[in-house]
Amino acid sequence: MYANIYIMRKEIDVIKKPLGTRKNPARTCRDLYLGHPDFLDGWYWIDPNLGMADDAIHVFCNMTARGQTCVFPDKHTAMHPDVQWKKEDNEKAEVWFSSLRGGFKITYEEVGPIQLTFLRLLSQEAHQNFTYSCTNSIGWFNQQADNYDLSIRILGENGQEFSPRGVKPLVLLDGCKMKKEASKSIFEIRTTKMNRLPLVDFLPKDYGSTDQAFGFEVGPLCFS
């Protein structure tokens, strides 16, 4: 009898405090943290829409940050190494990276739109980093010209652009401003307007010469 009661209590605890496994996913990393504050940073399973466990997603839980839920862009769209890019016939035309020959959109198919929507609803803030790697290419500020005319623009999922003349990202590093050697410009977008993220595209401007190259890397989208 006591053994049965113990088993029932364990089963109730698992329901109240999910373990973040594939068979027993939590709703968010925050919920997992509240139920198990001793859990370490790492990869866990969550199911934000509380549907069938088979649509649970594998995410990184930042327990050090009190249970931030971090989802990653699909690996094949999360980065591109520095290479030369040709400009279109009309050199003044502004072309998003996804429309360049060999370019692509940044996607999140492994997470899926439904779970992303629920993560937004369950969170108060989101942030994501974007790194523009450059060789003789301006990323943000042009130190020689003392202007932002060649800065990139970064696009959020809802069409919001992040740029010097609009909604500005936080510039963590602007190594591309010198335009002398290979470097990086790193941006952080942090917002309470949840539909602005994830990042899905960007518009480079300073490229096309034989001595120029650029690439990029997108970091995880973290909800808190």
Protein backbone atom coordinates (compact mmCIF):
# COMPACT_ATOMS: atom_id res chain seq x y z
CA MET A 1 0.00 0.00 0.00
CA TYR A 2 2.74 2.48 0.99
CA ALA A 3 4.67 1.52 -2.11
CA ASN A 4 1.66 2.39 -4.27
CA ILE A 5 1.26 5.75 -2.53
CA TYR A 6 4.96 6.49 -3.11
CA ILE A 7 4.63 5.63 -6.80
CA MET A 8 1.54 7.82 -7.12
CA ARG A 9 3.34 10.72 -5.47
CA LYS A 10 6.27 10.33 -7.84
CA GLU A 11 3.90 10.33 -10.81
CA ILE A 12 2.17 13.48 -9.54
CA ASP A 13 5.55 15.18 -9.03
CA VAL A 14 6.50 14.38 -12.62
CA ILE A 15 3.25 15.95 -13.84
CA LYS A 16 3.68 19.03 -11.64
CA LYS A 17 7.41 19.34 -12.26
CA PRO A 18 8.31 17.92 -15.69
CA LEU A 19 11.87 16.70 -16.13
CA GLY A 20 12.56 18.21 -19.55
CA THR A 21 12.96 14.83 -21.24
CA ARG A 22 11.46 13.91 -24.58
CA LYS A 23 8.73 11.87 -22.88
CA ASN A 24 8.22 14.42 -20.11
CA PRO A 25 8.86 17.89 -21.58
CA ALA A 26 8.43 21.11 -19.63
CA ARG A 27 6.43 23.98 -21.10
CA THR A 28 9.41 26.38 -21.07
CA CYS A 29 12.89 26.44 -19.59
CA ARG A 30 11.56 28.90 -17.02
CA ASP A 31 9.05 26.29 -15.82
CA LEU A 32 11.83 23.72 -15.71
CA TYR A 33 13.98 26.08 -13.65
CA LEU A 34 11.17 26.79 -11.19
CA GLY A 35 10.55 23.07 -10.69
CA HIS A 36 14.21 22.08 -10.62
CA PRO A 37 16.43 25.05 -9.67
CA ASP A 38 19.35 22.65 -9.28
CA PHE A 39 19.31 21.68 -12.98
CA LEU A 40 22.39 22.81 -14.94
CA ASP A 41 22.61 24.72 -18.22
CA GLY A 42 22.06 22.32 -21.08
CA TRP A 43 19.75 20.84 -23.69
CA TYR A 44 16.22 19.88 -22.65
CA TRP A 45 12.87 19.14 -24.24
CA ILE A 46 9.99 21.60 -23.97
CA ASP A 47 6.46 21.73 -25.37
CA PRO A 48 5.19 25.35 -25.27
CA ASN A 49 1.79 24.57 -26.84
CA LEU A 50 1.19 21.65 -24.43
CA GLY A 51 0.14 19.45 -27.32
CA MET A 52 1.21 15.88 -27.89
CA ALA A 53 4.73 15.22 -26.64
CA ASP A 54 5.78 14.24 -30.17
CA ASP A 55 5.88 17.93 -31.18
CA ALA A 56 8.19 18.86 -28.30
CA ILE A 57 11.31 20.78 -29.30
CA HIS A 58 14.92 20.39 -28.20
CA VAL A 59 16.19 23.69 -26.81
CA PHE A 60 19.07 25.07 -24.80
CA CYS A 61 18.04 26.09 -21.29
CA ASN A 62 20.16 28.78 -19.70
CA MET A 63 19.55 27.95 -16.06
CA THR A 64 22.22 30.44 -14.98
CA ALA A 65 19.90 33.14 -16.37
CA ARG A 66 16.94 31.75 -14.39
CA GLY A 67 15.59 29.58 -17.16
CA GLN A 68 16.02 31.36 -20.47
CA THR A 69 14.71 29.32 -23.42
CA CYS A 70 17.06 29.47 -26.41
CA VAL A 71 16.18 28.17 -29.87
CA PHE A 72 18.62 28.05 -32.77
CA PRO A 73 18.21 28.78 -36.47
CA ASP A 74 18.44 25.79 -38.79
CA LYS A 75 22.13 24.85 -39.13
CA HIS A 76 22.25 25.21 -42.92
CA THR A 77 20.98 28.83 -42.71
CA ALA A 78 22.66 29.99 -39.49
CA MET A 79 25.91 31.17 -41.04
CA HIS A 80 27.98 31.70 -44.16
CA PRO A 81 31.77 32.10 -44.30
CA ASP A 82 33.45 35.17 -45.79
CA VAL A 83 33.38 35.02 -49.59
CA GLN A 84 33.30 37.54 -52.44
CA TRP A 85 29.83 38.52 -53.63
CA LYS A 86 29.00 40.03 -57.00
CA LYS A 87 26.66 42.98 -57.30
CA GLU A 88 23.77 43.00 -59.72
CA ASP A 89 23.95 44.94 -62.98
CA ASN A 90 22.48 47.94 -61.19
CA GLU A 91 25.16 48.53 -58.58
CA LYS A 92 23.02 51.04 -56.69
CA ALA A 93 20.17 48.59 -56.18
CA GLU A 94 19.72 47.40 -52.60
CA VAL A 95 19.46 43.62 -52.46
CA TRP A 96 18.66 41.51 -49.41
CA PHE A 97 21.03 38.62 -48.77
CA SER A 98 18.29 36.08 -49.51
CA SER A 99 17.95 37.55 -53.03
CA LEU A 100 21.66 37.40 -53.87
CA ARG A 101 22.82 34.56 -56.07
CA GLY A 102 23.79 31.91 -53.53
CA GLY A 103 21.99 33.69 -50.70
CA PHE A 104 19.16 32.37 -48.55
CA LYS A 105 16.77 33.26 -45.75
CA ILE A 106 17.52 32.40 -42.14
CA THR A 107 14.99 29.74 -41.15
CA TYR A 108 13.71 28.07 -37.98
CA GLU A 109 11.91 25.03 -39.36
CA GLU A 110 13.18 22.72 -36.61
CA VAL A 111 11.37 24.88 -34.06
CA GLY A 112 8.30 25.54 -36.20
CA PRO A 113 5.94 28.54 -36.30
CA ILE A 114 3.43 27.15 -33.78
CA GLN A 115 5.93 26.58 -31.00
CA LEU A 116 7.59 29.92 -31.74
CA THR A 117 4.22 31.64 -31.40
CA PHE A 118 3.59 30.03 -28.01
CA LEU A 119 7.10 30.90 -26.82
CA ARG A 120 6.37 34.54 -27.62
CA LEU A 121 3.08 34.39 -25.72
CA LEU A 122 4.76 32.83 -22.69
CA SER A 123 7.68 35.27 -22.57
CA GLN A 124 8.24 38.91 -21.67
CA GLU A 125 11.45 39.60 -23.55
CA ALA A 126 13.55 38.11 -26.35
CA HIS A 127 17.05 38.76 -27.64
CA GLN A 128 19.24 37.54 -30.47
CA ASN A 129 22.73 38.36 -31.78
CA PHE A 130 23.82 38.87 -35.38
CA THR A 131 27.48 38.85 -36.46
CA TYR A 132 28.59 40.40 -39.75
CA SER A 133 32.08 39.20 -40.69
CA CYS A 134 33.95 41.41 -43.11
CA THR A 135 37.02 41.81 -45.27
CA ASN A 136 37.36 45.43 -46.45
CA SER A 137 33.61 45.82 -46.00
CA ILE A 138 31.71 48.25 -43.78
CA GLY A 139 29.28 46.63 -41.36
CA TRP A 140 27.91 49.59 -39.42
CA PHE A 141 29.86 52.85 -39.00
CA ASN A 142 32.22 54.04 -41.74
CA GLN A 143 35.05 55.66 -39.81
CA GLN A 144 36.78 57.10 -42.89
CA ALA A 145 33.63 58.78 -44.25
CA ASP A 146 32.23 59.48 -40.76
CA ASN A 147 28.74 58.24 -41.67
CA TYR A 148 26.44 55.21 -41.72
CA ASP A 149 25.67 55.22 -45.45
CA LEU A 150 27.11 51.73 -45.98
CA SER A 151 25.73 50.07 -42.85
CA ILE A 152 23.87 46.80 -43.10
CA ARG A 153 20.17 46.49 -42.28
CA ILE A 154 18.89 43.48 -40.33
CA LEU A 155 15.37 42.13 -40.82
CA GLY A 156 13.05 40.69 -38.17
CA GLU A 157 10.32 38.18 -38.91
CA ASN A 158 7.53 40.77 -38.83
CA GLY A 159 9.30 43.02 -41.35
CA GLN A 160 10.90 45.28 -38.76
CA GLU A 161 14.27 46.59 -39.95
CA PHE A 162 17.12 47.31 -37.55
CA SER A 163 19.38 50.07 -38.85
CA PRO A 164 21.16 53.30 -37.82
CA ARG A 165 18.22 55.38 -39.06
CA GLY A 166 15.45 53.25 -37.61
CA VAL A 167 15.20 50.87 -34.68
CA LYS A 168 18.83 50.56 -33.63
CA PRO A 169 20.37 47.33 -32.38
CA LEU A 170 22.93 47.38 -29.61
CA VAL A 171 26.38 47.38 -31.24
CA LEU A 172 28.57 45.09 -29.15
CA LEU A 173 31.57 45.33 -31.50
CA ASP A 174 32.18 47.28 -34.70
CA GLY A 175 35.44 45.92 -36.03
CA CYS A 176 34.39 46.49 -39.65
CA LYS A 177 34.41 50.30 -39.37
CA MET A 178 38.11 50.58 -40.27
CA LYS A 179 37.75 48.70 -43.59
CA LYS A 180 41.37 47.58 -43.48
CA GLU A 181 41.39 43.91 -42.57
CA ALA A 182 39.21 40.93 -41.72
CA SER A 183 37.08 41.63 -38.69
CA LYS A 184 33.53 41.44 -37.31
CA SER A 185 30.66 43.68 -36.29
CA ILE A 186 28.39 42.14 -33.65
CA PHE A 187 24.85 43.31 -32.94
CA GLU A 188 22.34 42.43 -30.24
CA ILE A 189 18.61 42.91 -30.72
CA ARG A 190 16.73 42.88 -27.42
CA THR A 191 13.01 43.61 -27.41
CA THR A 192 9.72 43.21 -25.56
CA LYS A 193 7.88 43.36 -28.90
CA MET A 194 8.04 39.64 -29.41
CA ASN A 195 7.02 39.46 -33.08
CA ARG A 196 10.16 41.36 -34.13
CA LEU A 197 12.24 38.23 -33.67
CA PRO A 198 13.65 35.91 -34.90
CA LEU A 199 16.01 37.51 -37.42
CA VAL A 200 15.40 36.26 -40.94
CA ASP A 201 17.52 38.32 -43.38
CA PHE A 202 19.93 41.22 -43.78
CA LEU A 203 20.91 43.75 -46.42
CA PRO A 204 24.64 44.27 -47.07
CA LYS A 205 25.80 47.35 -48.96
CA ASP A 206 29.59 47.45 -49.08
CA TYR A 207 30.62 44.60 -51.37
CA GLY A 208 31.30 43.79 -55.01
CA SER A 209 35.03 44.59 -55.39
CA THR A 210 37.60 41.83 -55.78
CA ASP A 211 39.23 42.70 -52.45
CA GLN A 212 35.95 42.59 -50.52
CA ALA A 213 34.19 39.72 -48.80
CA PHE A 214 31.56 39.22 -46.14
CA GLY A 215 29.81 36.48 -44.22
CA PHE A 216 27.52 36.22 -41.21
CA GLU A 217 26.44 34.16 -38.24
CA VAL A 218 23.15 34.28 -36.35
CA GLY A 219 23.02 33.39 -32.68
CA PRO A 220 20.23 31.66 -30.76
CA LEU A 221 16.93 33.40 -30.09
CA CYS A 222 16.50 33.47 -26.32
CA PHE A 223 13.23 34.06 -24.48
CA SER A 224 12.85 35.13 -20.87
